[in-house]
Amino acid sequence: MSSNFDDELRRQLNALDTDVTDIEMPGPSAARRRAARRTRNQVTTGVLASVAIVALGVAGVTQNELFSAPEPAAPGETEAPTAVPTTPDEQDDSTPPDGEQTPPDDGNGANVPDDAFLTIDDISPDDEPGVVLPEWTETEATRTPFDCAPAVPDGAAHVRYENDREGHFLQFAETTNDQVRRFAQLRADLESCLRNLDEGAGPDAPDGLSQAWAVDDVGDEAWAATYWSPREQPLQGGDMRYDLVAVHLVRAGSYVTMVINGFPSNEDYAASTLTARTTEAAQRLCEAVEQECVVEPQPTQLYPEPTGDVSGWLTVDDVVDATGLEEIDAGGEIVEESTWAHAYLPLDPTDDGAEVVETRWYRNSTENAGPAVEQRIATFPDEEAARSHYDDLVAAADAHEEPNQQAERTGSHDEPGDSAATWRVESDYGTVFVFGVMVHGETVTAISHSISDHEDRDLTADQLRDLLSRAA
């Protein structure tokens, strides 16, 4: 994916929706996320299946179990936040399909103040030089074009905006005597529809649900999620085939509100940006009804379930202890790859007999931007094949040249069963890329980290060697 495409995508995100200054937009990241979602569904070999189960942090738990919404509370039950069960009940046959909703028994929008809703100004980004922003207009429509997005329930108050670049926004609010049940039902209806959407999707499609968060200390209960809705007409020459849809659900006092906004995209929100919109919707509602309902938002990731530490890979503590990058708090899913994916590591490990190549990223769980460390492991059939590939890879890295960049070998050690080498690459554009490779037994490992010269995130050769040593 070209840098021109990434620049255009960033401009579209800025123009279509909210502030995205904290969203990292590297071209390969969308492919990695799609590959990660495919890996969860398609891993079939014994070794990879066991890795996937460990990565999910549970044994014998299916995607539907991790994905399931809570059952709606019965009338009169407590107003405590609705918990996600560890094993779901059978799906209720009465759940409406295709984004339709179970109507509230006593929903009423007449008591919702007009200023309880987000406005066009709220969802418009600040002006940027050279960026032509779309024109948002208010409409009377009661639904959006996205799969599974609910229409405005009967009797609910709502606002609906759209722009000339296929961005859509809908918010509805209602009062009810059973807020807990209503909140749970809205969530259950959406998740049930997304499960059905997944079942009908092709093998190369991303999972419908991309991420889901509970947001504590926002209203009495708050939930936020994003999902991918297939487009009838792809954009960008066919490269942009999905709309990214964000859903925010809040209950506060006797009020329940849902926000749906979406636009064409190949990149998801940072979790911090997603939950900020949830907080904003709650704050606007509570101010309108003269309630205090936002304290300090505390997001908790519900989906994908956090991976945790995985045997054979660096732990989060390893990365933080070796690098001092305390913002890093999560290791991502293990994703199958086929190459080293770095210009200065130009050899293909599978050409030299690697049986599997996998990668894992370590970064902040709520920010797309920020420090990130990648570990990539190629597993060979025996130590001799691994050593041969390592020797050739080091020689190729030393000899490789790129325009407008200067590469320097920063260190190495060579022992019969455990050898490593590190490099530093500085470009004329103010970016720094540090990386190292190591051979240990039947595996060759590469670790990399990139930064801009104005950021205080640099790694020394000693820190990189420490990471490689911990990986061994």
Protein backbone atom coordinates (compact mmCIF):
# COMPACT_ATOMS: atom_id res chain seq x y z
CA MET A 1 0.00 0.00 0.00
CA SER A 2 1.61 3.24 -1.08
CA SER A 3 2.33 6.28 1.02
CA ASN A 4 0.07 8.27 -1.32
CA PHE A 5 -2.78 5.96 -0.43
CA ASP A 6 -2.02 6.36 3.29
CA ASP A 7 -1.94 10.15 2.95
CA GLU A 8 -5.24 10.14 1.11
CA LEU A 9 -6.75 7.83 3.73
CA ARG A 10 -5.64 10.13 6.52
CA ARG A 11 -7.19 13.10 4.71
CA GLN A 12 -10.44 11.20 4.32
CA LEU A 13 -10.51 10.25 7.98
CA ASN A 14 -9.86 13.84 8.99
CA ALA A 15 -12.57 15.11 6.70
CA LEU A 16 -15.21 12.49 7.35
CA ASP A 17 -15.28 12.17 11.07
CA THR A 18 -13.31 13.09 14.14
CA ASP A 19 -9.83 14.17 15.16
CA VAL A 20 -7.34 11.46 14.19
CA THR A 21 -4.06 13.03 15.21
CA ASP A 22 -3.35 10.03 17.43
CA ILE A 23 -4.07 7.41 14.76
CA GLU A 24 -1.11 5.68 13.16
CA MET A 25 -1.67 5.08 9.47
CA PRO A 26 1.08 2.75 8.21
CA GLY A 27 0.09 1.01 4.98
CA PRO A 28 0.82 -2.55 6.16
CA SER A 29 -1.12 -2.17 9.40
CA ALA A 30 -4.51 -2.67 7.77
CA ALA A 31 -3.27 -5.85 6.13
CA ARG A 32 -1.88 -7.10 9.43
CA ARG A 33 -5.15 -6.48 11.22
CA ARG A 34 -7.08 -8.27 8.49
CA ALA A 35 -4.60 -11.14 8.60
CA ALA A 36 -4.95 -11.34 12.36
CA ARG A 37 -8.70 -11.58 12.11
CA ARG A 38 -8.44 -14.24 9.40
CA THR A 39 -5.94 -16.18 11.52
CA ARG A 40 -8.44 -16.42 14.36
CA ASN A 41 -10.94 -18.07 12.03
CA GLN A 42 -8.74 -20.16 9.78
CA VAL A 43 -5.94 -21.67 11.89
CA THR A 44 -6.24 -25.42 11.45
CA THR A 45 -2.90 -27.11 11.98
CA GLY A 46 -2.16 -28.53 15.40
CA VAL A 47 0.77 -26.22 16.17
CA LEU A 48 -0.94 -23.04 15.00
CA ALA A 49 -4.22 -23.99 16.65
CA SER A 50 -2.48 -24.38 19.99
CA VAL A 51 -0.81 -20.99 19.56
CA ALA A 52 -4.17 -19.39 18.77
CA ILE A 53 -5.79 -20.88 21.86
CA VAL A 54 -2.96 -19.68 24.09
CA ALA A 55 -3.12 -16.27 22.45
CA LEU A 56 -6.78 -15.94 23.33
CA GLY A 57 -5.90 -16.66 26.94
CA VAL A 58 -8.51 -19.37 27.33
CA ALA A 59 -8.88 -23.05 26.55
CA GLY A 60 -11.78 -24.34 24.51
CA VAL A 61 -13.56 -21.00 24.22
CA THR A 62 -15.02 -20.24 20.81
CA GLN A 63 -15.20 -16.85 19.14
CA ASN A 64 -18.95 -16.73 19.75
CA GLU A 65 -18.34 -17.10 23.48
CA LEU A 66 -15.91 -14.21 23.51
CA PHE A 67 -18.21 -12.23 21.26
CA SER A 68 -21.50 -12.84 23.03
CA ALA A 69 -23.56 -10.05 24.47
CA PRO A 70 -25.08 -10.30 27.93
CA GLU A 71 -28.62 -11.56 28.14
CA PRO A 72 -31.05 -8.71 28.81
CA ALA A 73 -31.83 -8.36 32.49
CA ALA A 74 -35.28 -9.32 33.65
CA PRO A 75 -37.61 -6.51 34.75
CA GLY A 76 -36.89 -5.26 38.22
CA GLU A 77 -33.33 -6.56 38.38
CA THR A 78 -30.46 -4.50 39.74
CA GLU A 79 -29.09 -1.52 37.80
CA ALA A 80 -25.50 -2.71 38.19
CA PRO A 81 -23.50 -2.87 34.92
CA THR A 82 -24.37 -5.86 32.81
CA ALA A 83 -21.65 -8.53 32.98
CA VAL A 84 -20.44 -10.53 30.00
CA PRO A 85 -20.96 -14.26 30.69
CA THR A 86 -18.07 -16.69 30.26
CA THR A 87 -20.36 -19.13 28.44
CA PRO A 88 -23.39 -17.79 26.60
CA ASP A 89 -26.84 -19.24 26.61
CA GLU A 90 -28.32 -20.45 23.36
CA GLN A 91 -29.23 -17.58 21.06
CA ASP A 92 -32.77 -16.36 21.56
CA ASP A 93 -34.76 -17.16 18.41
CA SER A 94 -36.77 -14.00 18.95
CA THR A 95 -33.73 -11.75 18.40
CA PRO A 96 -34.49 -9.64 15.31
CA PRO A 97 -32.16 -10.20 12.32
CA ASP A 98 -30.49 -7.75 9.97
CA GLY A 99 -30.13 -4.81 12.31
CA GLU A 100 -33.79 -4.68 13.35
CA GLN A 101 -34.46 -3.98 17.00
CA THR A 102 -36.47 -5.43 19.80
CA PRO A 103 -38.72 -2.44 20.55
CA PRO A 104 -38.79 -1.10 24.11
CA ASP A 105 -41.87 -1.87 26.14
CA ASP A 106 -42.15 1.72 27.36
CA GLY A 107 -39.61 3.74 25.32
CA ASN A 108 -40.35 7.44 25.10
CA GLY A 109 -38.36 10.21 23.46
CA ALA A 110 -40.69 13.01 24.41
CA ASN A 111 -38.73 13.75 27.60
CA VAL A 112 -35.32 13.92 25.88
CA PRO A 113 -34.08 17.55 25.62
CA ASP A 114 -33.01 18.81 22.19
CA ASP A 115 -29.54 19.62 23.50
CA ALA A 116 -28.93 16.03 24.62
CA PHE A 117 -27.52 15.16 21.20
CA LEU A 118 -24.16 15.64 19.54
CA THR A 119 -24.12 18.34 16.88
CA ILE A 120 -22.54 18.75 13.46
CA ASP A 121 -19.88 20.94 15.09
CA ASP A 122 -19.08 18.13 17.53
CA ILE A 123 -18.41 15.60 14.78
CA SER A 124 -16.56 17.96 12.41
CA PRO A 125 -12.75 18.10 12.65
CA ASP A 126 -10.87 21.34 12.95
CA ASP A 127 -9.87 23.04 9.72
CA GLU A 128 -6.50 22.00 8.33
CA PRO A 129 -4.56 23.82 5.60
CA GLY A 130 -5.12 22.19 2.23
CA VAL A 131 -7.93 19.92 3.44
CA VAL A 132 -11.38 20.43 1.95
CA LEU A 133 -13.87 19.34 4.58
CA PRO A 134 -17.17 17.73 3.61
CA GLU A 135 -20.46 19.49 4.11
CA TRP A 136 -22.59 17.87 6.78
CA THR A 137 -26.35 18.31 6.56
CA GLU A 138 -29.16 17.28 8.88
CA THR A 139 -31.75 14.91 7.46
CA GLU A 140 -35.00 13.37 8.63
CA ALA A 141 -33.90 9.79 7.88
CA THR A 142 -34.23 7.30 10.72
CA ARG A 143 -31.49 4.84 9.78
CA THR A 144 -28.03 4.60 8.22
CA PRO A 145 -27.00 2.43 5.23
CA PHE A 146 -24.72 0.18 7.30
CA ASP A 147 -25.40 -3.51 7.85
CA CYS A 148 -26.67 -4.28 11.38
CA ALA A 149 -26.98 -0.61 12.37
CA PRO A 150 -30.38 -0.23 14.03
CA ALA A 151 -33.00 2.25 12.94
CA VAL A 152 -34.47 4.76 15.35
CA PRO A 153 -36.90 2.91 17.64
CA ASP A 154 -40.52 3.97 17.63
CA GLY A 155 -41.04 6.92 19.93
CA ALA A 156 -37.34 7.75 20.40
CA ALA A 157 -35.92 11.21 19.78
CA HIS A 158 -33.06 11.41 17.31
CA VAL A 159 -30.71 13.42 15.09
CA ARG A 160 -29.35 12.26 11.72
CA TYR A 161 -26.52 13.82 9.69
CA GLU A 162 -24.78 12.86 6.47
CA ASN A 163 -22.10 14.35 4.25
CA ASP A 164 -21.14 14.30 0.59
CA ARG A 165 -18.34 11.77 1.13
CA GLU A 166 -20.54 8.96 2.35
CA GLY A 167 -20.18 9.73 6.03
CA HIS A 168 -23.28 9.01 8.12
CA PHE A 169 -24.21 9.81 11.74
CA LEU A 170 -27.27 8.81 13.75
CA GLN A 171 -28.02 9.27 17.45
CA PHE A 172 -31.23 8.36 19.24
CA ALA A 173 -32.23 8.62 22.87
CA GLU A 174 -35.19 7.49 24.92
CA THR A 175 -36.39 7.15 28.48
CA THR A 176 -37.51 3.83 29.90
CA ASN A 177 -38.46 2.34 33.24
CA ASP A 178 -36.08 -0.59 32.69
CA GLN A 179 -32.82 0.93 31.55
CA VAL A 180 -30.65 -2.12 32.30
CA ARG A 181 -32.75 -4.41 30.14
CA ARG A 182 -33.00 -1.85 27.33
CA PHE A 183 -29.23 -1.27 27.25
CA ALA A 184 -28.54 -5.01 27.18
CA GLN A 185 -31.15 -5.62 24.47
CA LEU A 186 -29.73 -2.96 22.15
CA ARG A 187 -26.28 -4.49 22.49
CA ALA A 188 -27.56 -8.07 22.09
CA ASP A 189 -29.49 -7.21 18.92
CA LEU A 190 -26.43 -5.63 17.31
CA GLU A 191 -24.06 -8.46 18.23
CA SER A 192 -26.52 -11.11 17.08
CA CYS A 193 -26.76 -9.41 13.70
CA LEU A 194 -22.96 -9.21 13.42
CA ARG A 195 -22.66 -12.93 14.14
CA ASN A 196 -25.07 -13.61 11.29
CA LEU A 197 -23.05 -11.24 9.07
CA ASP A 198 -19.87 -13.18 9.86
CA GLU A 199 -21.48 -16.51 9.04
CA GLY A 200 -22.40 -15.29 5.56
CA ALA A 201 -19.05 -13.63 4.80
CA GLY A 202 -16.37 -15.11 2.57
CA PRO A 203 -13.08 -16.56 3.86
CA ASP A 204 -11.11 -13.41 3.02
CA ALA A 205 -13.50 -11.03 4.77
CA PRO A 206 -12.55 -9.50 8.13
CA ASP A 207 -14.56 -10.44 11.17
CA GLY A 208 -17.53 -8.10 11.47
CA LEU A 209 -16.72 -6.96 15.01
CA SER A 210 -13.32 -5.28 15.18
CA GLN A 211 -13.10 -4.11 18.79
CA ALA A 212 -15.40 -3.69 21.80
CA TRP A 213 -14.87 -1.87 25.10
CA ALA A 214 -16.73 -1.35 28.34
CA VAL A 215 -16.20 2.22 29.55
CA ASP A 216 -16.51 2.46 33.32
CA ASP A 217 -17.25 5.73 35.14
CA VAL A 218 -19.18 7.01 32.14
CA GLY A 219 -22.91 7.13 32.86
CA ASP A 220 -24.31 4.14 34.71
CA GLU A 221 -23.02 1.89 31.93
CA ALA A 222 -21.26 2.53 28.63
CA TRP A 223 -20.12 0.33 25.76
CA ALA A 224 -18.32 1.13 22.51
CA ALA A 225 -17.48 -0.99 19.48
CA THR A 226 -16.44 -0.81 15.86
CA TYR A 227 -17.27 -3.20 13.05
CA TRP A 228 -16.81 -3.57 9.29
CA SER A 229 -19.82 -3.22 7.01
CA PRO A 230 -19.29 -4.38 3.38
CA ARG A 231 -19.76 -1.68 0.77
CA GLU A 232 -21.82 -2.27 -2.36
CA GLN A 233 -19.45 -0.04 -4.34
CA PRO A 234 -15.74 -0.22 -3.33
CA LEU A 235 -13.63 2.94 -3.44
CA GLN A 236 -9.94 3.63 -4.14
CA GLY A 237 -9.94 1.41 -7.20
CA GLY A 238 -11.42 -1.47 -5.25
CA ASP A 239 -9.03 -1.27 -2.29
CA MET A 240 -11.60 0.23 0.10
CA ARG A 241 -14.36 -2.35 0.36
CA TYR A 242 -15.73 -1.66 3.84
CA ASP A 243 -17.29 1.07 5.91
CA LEU A 244 -15.96 1.40 9.44
CA VAL A 245 -18.94 1.74 11.77
CA ALA A 246 -18.57 2.93 15.36
CA VAL A 247 -21.35 2.32 17.88
CA HIS A 248 -21.58 3.98 21.29
CA LEU A 249 -24.17 2.95 23.86
CA VAL A 250 -24.76 4.78 27.14
CA ARG A 251 -27.33 4.59 29.91
CA ALA A 252 -27.62 7.27 32.57
CA GLY A 253 -30.54 7.50 34.97
CA SER A 254 -33.71 6.71 33.05
CA TYR A 255 -32.09 7.56 29.69
CA VAL A 256 -30.50 5.30 27.09
CA THR A 257 -28.74 6.72 24.02
CA MET A 258 -27.02 5.10 21.05
CA VAL A 259 -24.67 6.77 18.57
CA ILE A 260 -23.87 5.23 15.16
CA ASN A 261 -21.36 6.85 12.83
CA GLY A 262 -19.50 5.39 9.89
CA PHE A 263 -17.59 6.08 6.70
CA PRO A 264 -15.44 4.27 4.10
CA SER A 265 -12.15 3.16 5.63
CA ASN A 266 -9.45 0.50 5.76
CA GLU A 267 -8.24 1.54 9.21
CA ASP A 268 -9.88 1.24 12.61
CA TYR A 269 -10.01 3.87 15.33
CA ALA A 270 -7.54 3.99 18.15
CA ALA A 271 -9.42 2.82 21.23
CA SER A 272 -8.79 6.17 22.92
CA THR A 273 -10.52 7.99 20.05
CA LEU A 274 -13.41 5.53 20.09
CA THR A 275 -14.07 5.79 23.83
CA ALA A 276 -13.63 9.58 23.75
CA ARG A 277 -16.71 9.80 21.51
CA THR A 278 -18.61 7.57 23.97
CA THR A 279 -17.63 9.89 26.80
CA GLU A 280 -18.63 12.94 24.76
CA ALA A 281 -22.09 11.50 24.05
CA ALA A 282 -22.60 10.69 27.74
CA GLN A 283 -21.44 14.14 28.82
CA ARG A 284 -23.80 15.88 26.41
CA LEU A 285 -26.79 13.81 27.55
CA CYS A 286 -26.07 14.27 31.23
CA GLU A 287 -25.54 18.00 30.95
CA ALA A 288 -28.88 18.30 29.15
CA VAL A 289 -30.74 16.48 31.92
CA GLU A 290 -28.69 18.17 34.67
CA GLN A 291 -26.90 15.06 35.88
CA GLU A 292 -23.28 14.40 36.77
CA CYS A 293 -22.38 11.14 35.11
CA VAL A 294 -18.79 11.30 33.81
CA VAL A 295 -15.90 10.85 36.21
CA GLU A 296 -12.62 9.48 34.80
CA PRO A 297 -13.35 7.12 31.89
CA GLN A 298 -11.83 3.65 32.42
CA PRO A 299 -11.95 1.54 29.24
CA THR A 300 -11.76 -2.25 29.53
CA GLN A 301 -11.17 -4.27 26.39
CA LEU A 302 -13.82 -6.93 25.77
CA TYR A 303 -13.00 -7.94 22.18
CA PRO A 304 -10.61 -9.15 20.96
CA GLU A 305 -9.89 -10.58 24.37
CA PRO A 306 -6.43 -9.37 25.44
CA THR A 307 -3.81 -11.90 24.43
CA GLY A 308 -1.55 -11.82 27.48
CA ASP A 309 1.85 -13.44 27.57
CA VAL A 310 2.53 -16.27 25.12
CA SER A 311 5.10 -19.02 25.61
CA GLY A 312 8.09 -18.62 23.30
CA TRP A 313 7.59 -14.88 22.82
CA LEU A 314 8.75 -11.76 24.62
CA THR A 315 6.50 -10.70 27.47
CA VAL A 316 5.28 -7.14 27.90
CA ASP A 317 7.49 -6.88 30.99
CA ASP A 318 10.48 -7.99 28.89
CA VAL A 319 9.86 -5.21 26.39
CA VAL A 320 9.28 -2.49 28.99
CA ASP A 321 12.23 -3.54 31.18
CA ALA A 322 14.63 -3.67 28.24
CA THR A 323 13.49 -0.51 26.45
CA GLY A 324 12.05 1.77 29.14
CA LEU A 325 9.03 2.36 26.86
CA GLU A 326 6.49 2.36 29.66
CA GLU A 327 3.60 3.30 27.35
CA ILE A 328 3.70 -0.24 25.97
CA ASP A 329 1.19 -2.31 27.92
CA ALA A 330 0.00 -5.06 25.57
CA GLY A 331 1.24 -7.73 23.21
CA GLY A 332 -0.88 -8.32 20.15
CA GLU A 333 -2.06 -11.47 18.47
CA ILE A 334 0.40 -13.76 16.77
CA VAL A 335 -0.05 -13.43 13.03
CA GLU A 336 1.34 -15.73 10.37
CA GLU A 337 3.55 -14.02 7.79
CA SER A 338 5.85 -15.18 4.98
CA THR A 339 8.77 -12.68 4.92
CA TRP A 340 10.83 -10.47 7.22
CA ALA A 341 8.97 -7.45 5.78
CA HIS A 342 11.96 -5.12 6.27
CA ALA A 343 13.95 -3.57 3.41
CA TYR A 344 17.24 -4.28 5.18
CA LEU A 345 16.31 -7.92 5.66
CA PRO A 346 15.79 -8.74 1.97
CA LEU A 347 15.90 -12.55 2.12
CA ASP A 348 12.77 -14.69 2.19
CA PRO A 349 13.02 -17.22 5.04
CA THR A 350 10.58 -19.59 3.35
CA ASP A 351 12.95 -19.83 0.38
CA ASP A 352 15.52 -21.21 2.81
CA GLY A 353 13.15 -23.78 4.26
CA ALA A 354 11.39 -21.91 7.10
CA GLU A 355 8.32 -23.88 8.11
CA VAL A 356 6.48 -20.93 9.65
CA VAL A 357 7.07 -17.18 10.01
CA GLU A 358 5.06 -15.31 12.65
CA THR A 359 4.96 -11.79 14.02
CA ARG A 360 3.75 -10.06 17.15
CA TRP A 361 3.52 -6.36 17.98
CA TYR A 362 3.93 -4.77 21.41
CA ARG A 363 2.31 -1.36 21.83
CA ASN A 364 -0.16 0.69 23.85
CA SER A 365 -3.57 -0.98 24.01
CA THR A 366 -5.60 2.21 23.51
CA GLU A 367 -3.42 4.28 21.13
CA ASN A 368 -2.56 3.47 17.52
CA ALA A 369 0.24 6.01 17.59
CA GLY A 370 3.04 5.71 20.09
CA PRO A 371 5.99 3.40 20.60
CA ALA A 372 5.79 -0.07 19.12
CA VAL A 373 8.19 -3.01 19.06
CA GLU A 374 7.84 -5.87 16.61
CA GLN A 375 9.12 -9.41 17.13
CA ARG A 376 9.18 -11.75 14.14
CA ILE A 377 10.21 -15.43 14.37
CA ALA A 378 11.05 -17.84 11.57
CA THR A 379 11.16 -21.52 12.56
CA PHE A 380 13.33 -23.87 10.50
CA PRO A 381 13.40 -27.69 10.35
CA ASP A 382 16.80 -27.88 12.08
CA GLU A 383 19.60 -25.80 13.58
CA GLU A 384 21.77 -26.07 10.47
CA ALA A 385 19.09 -24.51 8.24
CA ALA A 386 18.47 -21.72 10.78
CA ARG A 387 22.19 -20.94 11.06
CA SER A 388 22.65 -20.89 7.28
CA HIS A 389 19.76 -18.47 6.83
CA TYR A 390 21.01 -16.25 9.66
CA ASP A 391 24.51 -16.00 8.17
CA ASP A 392 23.12 -15.10 4.75
CA LEU A 393 20.65 -12.62 6.28
CA VAL A 394 23.37 -10.76 8.20
CA ALA A 395 25.53 -10.52 5.09
CA ALA A 396 22.57 -9.26 3.03
CA ALA A 397 21.70 -6.65 5.67
CA ASP A 398 25.28 -5.36 5.74
CA ALA A 399 25.33 -5.06 1.95
CA HIS A 400 21.87 -3.57 1.45
CA GLU A 401 21.51 0.09 0.50
CA GLU A 402 18.48 2.34 0.30
CA PRO A 403 18.35 5.88 -1.15
CA ASN A 404 18.42 8.76 1.36
CA GLN A 405 19.28 6.43 4.23
CA GLN A 406 22.44 5.53 6.11
CA ALA A 407 22.74 2.12 7.78
CA GLU A 408 25.28 1.23 10.44
CA ARG A 409 26.07 -2.09 12.11
CA THR A 410 25.96 -1.30 15.83
CA GLY A 411 27.04 -4.57 17.32
CA SER A 412 27.24 -8.35 17.10
CA HIS A 413 28.29 -11.46 18.91
CA ASP A 414 28.93 -14.85 17.37
CA GLU A 415 28.75 -18.08 19.28
CA PRO A 416 28.08 -21.64 18.06
CA GLY A 417 24.48 -21.81 19.29
CA ASP A 418 23.50 -18.20 19.83
CA SER A 419 24.56 -15.34 17.54
CA ALA A 420 23.11 -11.86 17.09
CA ALA A 421 23.68 -8.63 15.15
CA THR A 422 22.11 -5.15 15.40
CA TRP A 423 21.81 -2.17 13.06
CA ARG A 424 20.69 1.45 13.07
CA VAL A 425 19.23 3.18 10.02
CA GLU A 426 18.81 6.97 9.85
CA SER A 427 17.02 8.59 6.95
CA ASP A 428 17.22 12.08 5.50
CA TYR A 429 13.56 12.50 6.46
CA GLY A 430 14.22 12.42 10.20
CA THR A 431 13.23 8.83 10.93
CA VAL A 432 15.29 6.22 12.77
CA PHE A 433 14.90 2.46 12.43
CA VAL A 434 16.74 0.09 14.78
CA PHE A 435 16.63 -3.65 14.31
CA GLY A 436 18.47 -6.82 15.17
CA VAL A 437 18.45 -10.50 14.27
CA MET A 438 19.43 -13.54 16.28
CA VAL A 439 19.76 -17.26 15.67
CA HIS A 440 18.99 -19.61 18.52
CA GLY A 441 18.47 -23.31 17.94
CA GLU A 442 16.00 -23.80 15.10
CA THR A 443 14.70 -20.23 15.10
CA VAL A 444 15.80 -16.90 13.69
CA THR A 445 14.28 -13.87 15.41
CA ALA A 446 14.12 -10.24 14.22
CA ILE A 447 13.20 -7.37 16.54
CA SER A 448 12.61 -3.83 15.28
CA HIS A 449 11.54 -0.40 16.46
CA SER A 450 11.14 2.85 14.50
CA ILE A 451 10.91 6.44 15.68
CA SER A 452 11.00 10.00 14.41
CA ASP A 453 14.03 12.05 15.37
CA HIS A 454 11.89 14.42 17.46
CA GLU A 455 10.56 11.62 19.67
CA ASP A 456 12.15 10.45 22.88
CA ARG A 457 11.74 6.78 22.02
CA ASP A 458 15.16 5.84 20.71
CA LEU A 459 16.75 2.50 21.59
CA THR A 460 20.46 1.95 22.04
CA ALA A 461 22.31 -1.05 20.67
CA ASP A 462 22.60 -2.40 24.23
CA GLN A 463 18.83 -2.20 24.71
CA LEU A 464 18.25 -3.99 21.42
CA ARG A 465 20.74 -6.72 22.37
CA ASP A 466 18.95 -7.06 25.71
CA LEU A 467 15.68 -7.66 23.84
CA LEU A 468 17.31 -10.26 21.62
CA SER A 469 18.82 -11.97 24.65
CA ARG A 470 15.44 -12.09 26.37
CA ALA A 471 13.90 -13.49 23.19
CA ALA A 472 16.44 -16.33 23.29
